[in-house]
Amino acid sequence: MQNTNCPEVEKCLELIHLVLDNEAPAEQENYLTEHLEMCMQCLENFNIEKEIRTALKTRLENKKVPLDLINTIKVKIAEID
C-alpha cells in the first residue's frame, strides 16, 4: 500500500458511495477493490464512509410517519406540479 495523495479521490468517493449503496456494477466494484489495495487515502475514505453508515443504522430508529402528515405532503407536492 502506498498512495497517500490519490489523484482520483473524487472518482473513488463516488464509487465508494455506489458500492456501499449496492448500486455499483461489478466492473466498478472490482476497480474499487483493486484500487483500495493500493491506495491508503481511498481505503481510509472507504472505512470512514462505512463506519458512518453503520453508526447511522444503529443509532437511528425507524418511526412510522402519521398518515395525515403523508397526505399533507402529497397534497403540497401535487400543488407544485
N, C-alpha and C. Protein backbone atom coordinates (compact mmCIF):
# COMPACT_ATOMS: atom_id res chain seq x y z
N MET A 1 0.87 -1.17 0.00
CA MET A 1 0.00 0.00 0.00
C MET A 1 0.90 1.22 0.00
N GLN A 2 0.58 2.20 -0.87
CA GLN A 2 1.49 3.31 -0.96
C GLN A 2 0.82 4.66 -1.10
N ASN A 3 -0.04 4.84 -2.03
CA ASN A 3 -0.55 6.15 -2.39
C ASN A 3 -1.27 6.84 -1.24
N THR A 4 -0.78 8.02 -0.84
CA THR A 4 -1.45 8.78 0.21
C THR A 4 -2.13 10.03 -0.34
N ASN A 5 -1.82 10.42 -1.57
CA ASN A 5 -2.47 11.54 -2.24
C ASN A 5 -3.02 11.06 -3.57
N CYS A 6 -4.21 10.56 -3.53
CA CYS A 6 -4.81 9.95 -4.72
C CYS A 6 -5.27 11.01 -5.71
N PRO A 7 -4.83 10.91 -6.97
CA PRO A 7 -5.29 11.86 -7.98
C PRO A 7 -6.74 11.60 -8.40
N GLU A 8 -7.28 10.45 -8.02
CA GLU A 8 -8.64 10.07 -8.40
C GLU A 8 -9.58 10.04 -7.20
N VAL A 9 -9.28 10.82 -6.18
CA VAL A 9 -10.04 10.74 -4.94
C VAL A 9 -11.52 11.03 -5.14
N GLU A 10 -11.87 12.00 -5.99
CA GLU A 10 -13.28 12.33 -6.22
C GLU A 10 -14.00 11.17 -6.90
N LYS A 11 -13.37 10.59 -7.91
CA LYS A 11 -13.95 9.44 -8.60
C LYS A 11 -14.14 8.28 -7.61
N CYS A 12 -13.14 8.08 -6.79
CA CYS A 12 -13.20 6.98 -5.83
C CYS A 12 -14.30 7.20 -4.79
N LEU A 13 -14.49 8.43 -4.35
CA LEU A 13 -15.56 8.71 -3.40
C LEU A 13 -16.93 8.40 -4.01
N GLU A 14 -17.10 8.73 -5.28
CA GLU A 14 -18.35 8.39 -5.96
C GLU A 14 -18.53 6.88 -6.01
N LEU A 15 -17.46 6.17 -6.34
CA LEU A 15 -17.54 4.71 -6.40
C LEU A 15 -17.80 4.11 -5.03
N ILE A 16 -17.19 4.67 -4.01
CA ILE A 16 -17.40 4.18 -2.64
C ILE A 16 -18.88 4.27 -2.29
N HIS A 17 -19.50 5.40 -2.60
CA HIS A 17 -20.92 5.55 -2.31
C HIS A 17 -21.76 4.55 -3.09
N LEU A 18 -21.44 4.36 -4.36
CA LEU A 18 -22.18 3.40 -5.17
C LEU A 18 -22.04 1.98 -4.62
N VAL A 19 -20.82 1.62 -4.25
CA VAL A 19 -20.57 0.28 -3.72
C VAL A 19 -21.30 0.08 -2.39
N LEU A 20 -21.20 1.04 -1.50
CA LEU A 20 -21.85 0.90 -0.19
C LEU A 20 -23.38 0.92 -0.31
N ASP A 21 -23.89 1.53 -1.37
CA ASP A 21 -25.34 1.54 -1.62
C ASP A 21 -25.78 0.34 -2.45
N ASN A 22 -24.84 -0.55 -2.76
CA ASN A 22 -25.11 -1.73 -3.61
C ASN A 22 -25.67 -1.32 -4.97
N GLU A 23 -25.16 -0.24 -5.52
CA GLU A 23 -25.62 0.26 -6.82
C GLU A 23 -24.53 0.23 -7.88
N ALA A 24 -23.34 -0.23 -7.52
CA ALA A 24 -22.23 -0.24 -8.48
C ALA A 24 -22.26 -1.52 -9.31
N PRO A 25 -22.05 -1.37 -10.61
CA PRO A 25 -21.89 -2.56 -11.45
C PRO A 25 -20.62 -3.33 -11.02
N ALA A 26 -20.56 -4.59 -11.34
CA ALA A 26 -19.44 -5.44 -10.93
C ALA A 26 -18.10 -4.87 -11.37
N GLU A 27 -18.06 -4.29 -12.57
CA GLU A 27 -16.81 -3.73 -13.10
C GLU A 27 -16.30 -2.60 -12.20
N GLN A 28 -17.19 -1.71 -11.77
CA GLN A 28 -16.78 -0.61 -10.90
C GLN A 28 -16.40 -1.12 -9.52
N GLU A 29 -17.13 -2.10 -9.04
CA GLU A 29 -16.82 -2.67 -7.73
C GLU A 29 -15.44 -3.33 -7.75
N ASN A 30 -15.13 -4.04 -8.82
CA ASN A 30 -13.81 -4.67 -8.96
C ASN A 30 -12.71 -3.63 -9.04
N TYR A 31 -12.96 -2.56 -9.81
CA TYR A 31 -11.98 -1.48 -9.91
C TYR A 31 -11.68 -0.90 -8.53
N LEU A 32 -12.74 -0.61 -7.78
CA LEU A 32 -12.56 -0.01 -6.46
C LEU A 32 -11.81 -0.95 -5.53
N THR A 33 -12.15 -2.22 -5.55
CA THR A 33 -11.48 -3.20 -4.70
C THR A 33 -9.98 -3.23 -4.99
N GLU A 34 -9.63 -3.26 -6.26
CA GLU A 34 -8.21 -3.27 -6.64
C GLU A 34 -7.54 -1.96 -6.24
N HIS A 35 -8.24 -0.86 -6.43
CA HIS A 35 -7.68 0.45 -6.10
C HIS A 35 -7.44 0.57 -4.60
N LEU A 36 -8.37 0.07 -3.79
CA LEU A 36 -8.23 0.17 -2.34
C LEU A 36 -7.04 -0.62 -1.82
N GLU A 37 -6.63 -1.65 -2.57
CA GLU A 37 -5.46 -2.44 -2.17
C GLU A 37 -4.17 -1.64 -2.33
N MET A 38 -4.21 -0.58 -3.17
CA MET A 38 -3.01 0.19 -3.45
C MET A 38 -3.04 1.60 -2.88
N CYS A 39 -4.21 2.07 -2.45
CA CYS A 39 -4.35 3.49 -2.10
C CYS A 39 -4.85 3.66 -0.66
N MET A 40 -3.95 4.09 0.19
CA MET A 40 -4.28 4.27 1.61
C MET A 40 -5.35 5.35 1.80
N GLN A 41 -5.25 6.46 1.07
CA GLN A 41 -6.21 7.54 1.23
C GLN A 41 -7.63 7.06 0.92
N CYS A 42 -7.80 6.34 -0.17
CA CYS A 42 -9.13 5.87 -0.55
C CYS A 42 -9.61 4.76 0.38
N LEU A 43 -8.70 3.93 0.86
CA LEU A 43 -9.08 2.90 1.82
C LEU A 43 -9.59 3.55 3.11
N GLU A 44 -8.90 4.60 3.55
CA GLU A 44 -9.36 5.32 4.74
C GLU A 44 -10.73 5.95 4.50
N ASN A 45 -10.92 6.55 3.32
CA ASN A 45 -12.21 7.13 2.98
C ASN A 45 -13.31 6.07 2.98
N PHE A 46 -13.00 4.91 2.41
CA PHE A 46 -13.97 3.81 2.38
C PHE A 46 -14.35 3.40 3.80
N ASN A 47 -13.36 3.23 4.66
CA ASN A 47 -13.63 2.81 6.04
C ASN A 47 -14.43 3.86 6.80
N ILE A 48 -14.13 5.13 6.58
CA ILE A 48 -14.88 6.20 7.24
C ILE A 48 -16.34 6.19 6.78
N GLU A 49 -16.56 6.11 5.48
CA GLU A 49 -17.92 6.08 4.96
C GLU A 49 -18.70 4.88 5.48
N LYS A 50 -18.02 3.74 5.54
CA LYS A 50 -18.68 2.53 6.03
C LYS A 50 -19.04 2.66 7.51
N GLU A 51 -18.14 3.24 8.29
CA GLU A 51 -18.41 3.45 9.72
C GLU A 51 -19.55 4.44 9.95
N ILE A 52 -19.60 5.49 9.14
CA ILE A 52 -20.69 6.46 9.26
C ILE A 52 -22.02 5.78 9.01
N ARG A 53 -22.07 4.98 7.97
CA ARG A 53 -23.32 4.28 7.64
C ARG A 53 -23.72 3.31 8.75
N THR A 54 -22.75 2.61 9.28
CA THR A 54 -23.03 1.67 10.37
C THR A 54 -23.55 2.42 11.59
N ALA A 55 -22.92 3.52 11.92
CA ALA A 55 -23.35 4.31 13.08
C ALA A 55 -24.76 4.84 12.89
N LEU A 56 -25.06 5.32 11.70
CA LEU A 56 -26.40 5.84 11.44
C LEU A 56 -27.45 4.73 11.54
N LYS A 57 -27.13 3.57 11.01
CA LYS A 57 -28.09 2.45 11.06
C LYS A 57 -28.36 2.00 12.49
N THR A 58 -27.34 2.01 13.32
CA THR A 58 -27.52 1.51 14.68
C THR A 58 -28.11 2.56 15.61
N ARG A 59 -27.98 3.83 15.27
CA ARG A 59 -28.45 4.88 16.17
C ARG A 59 -29.80 5.47 15.79
N LEU A 60 -30.21 5.27 14.56
CA LEU A 60 -31.48 5.82 14.12
C LEU A 60 -32.57 4.77 14.21
N GLU A 61 -33.73 5.18 14.63
CA GLU A 61 -34.87 4.27 14.69
C GLU A 61 -35.77 4.52 13.50
N ASN A 62 -36.43 3.46 13.07
CA ASN A 62 -37.48 3.63 12.08
C ASN A 62 -38.75 3.99 12.83
N LYS A 63 -39.31 5.12 12.50
CA LYS A 63 -40.55 5.54 13.13
C LYS A 63 -41.62 5.67 12.06
N LYS A 64 -42.82 5.30 12.41
CA LYS A 64 -43.92 5.44 11.47
C LYS A 64 -44.29 6.90 11.34
N VAL A 65 -44.53 7.30 10.11
CA VAL A 65 -44.96 8.67 9.84
C VAL A 65 -46.49 8.69 9.91
N PRO A 66 -47.04 9.66 10.61
CA PRO A 66 -48.50 9.74 10.69
C PRO A 66 -49.13 9.89 9.30
N LEU A 67 -50.23 9.20 9.09
CA LEU A 67 -50.89 9.19 7.79
C LEU A 67 -51.32 10.60 7.36
N ASP A 68 -51.77 11.42 8.31
CA ASP A 68 -52.18 12.78 7.94
C ASP A 68 -51.01 13.61 7.44
N LEU A 69 -49.82 13.37 7.98
CA LEU A 69 -48.63 14.07 7.51
C LEU A 69 -48.29 13.63 6.08
N ILE A 70 -48.39 12.36 5.82
CA ILE A 70 -48.13 11.84 4.47
C ILE A 70 -49.08 12.48 3.48
N ASN A 71 -50.35 12.52 3.84
CA ASN A 71 -51.35 13.10 2.93
C ASN A 71 -51.11 14.58 2.71
N THR A 72 -50.74 15.31 3.75
CA THR A 72 -50.45 16.74 3.62
C THR A 72 -49.27 16.96 2.68
N ILE A 73 -48.25 16.15 2.82
CA ILE A 73 -47.07 16.28 1.94
C ILE A 73 -47.46 15.98 0.50
N LYS A 74 -48.26 14.95 0.28
CA LYS A 74 -48.69 14.60 -1.08
C LYS A 74 -49.48 15.74 -1.71
N VAL A 75 -50.35 16.37 -0.93
CA VAL A 75 -51.14 17.49 -1.44
C VAL A 75 -50.22 18.65 -1.82
N LYS A 76 -49.25 18.95 -0.96
CA LYS A 76 -48.31 20.05 -1.24
C LYS A 76 -47.49 19.77 -2.51
N ILE A 77 -47.09 18.54 -2.68
CA ILE A 77 -46.33 18.17 -3.87
C ILE A 77 -47.20 18.31 -5.12
N ALA A 78 -48.45 17.88 -5.01
CA ALA A 78 -49.37 17.98 -6.15
C ALA A 78 -49.61 19.44 -6.53
N GLU A 79 -49.62 20.32 -5.54
CA GLU A 79 -49.81 21.75 -5.79
C GLU A 79 -48.63 22.34 -6.54
N ILE A 80 -47.45 21.82 -6.33
CA ILE A 80 -46.25 22.30 -7.01
C ILE A 80 -46.29 21.94 -8.49
N ASP A 81 -46.74 20.73 -8.76
CA ASP A 81 -46.80 20.26 -10.15
C ASP A 81 -47.89 21.00 -10.85
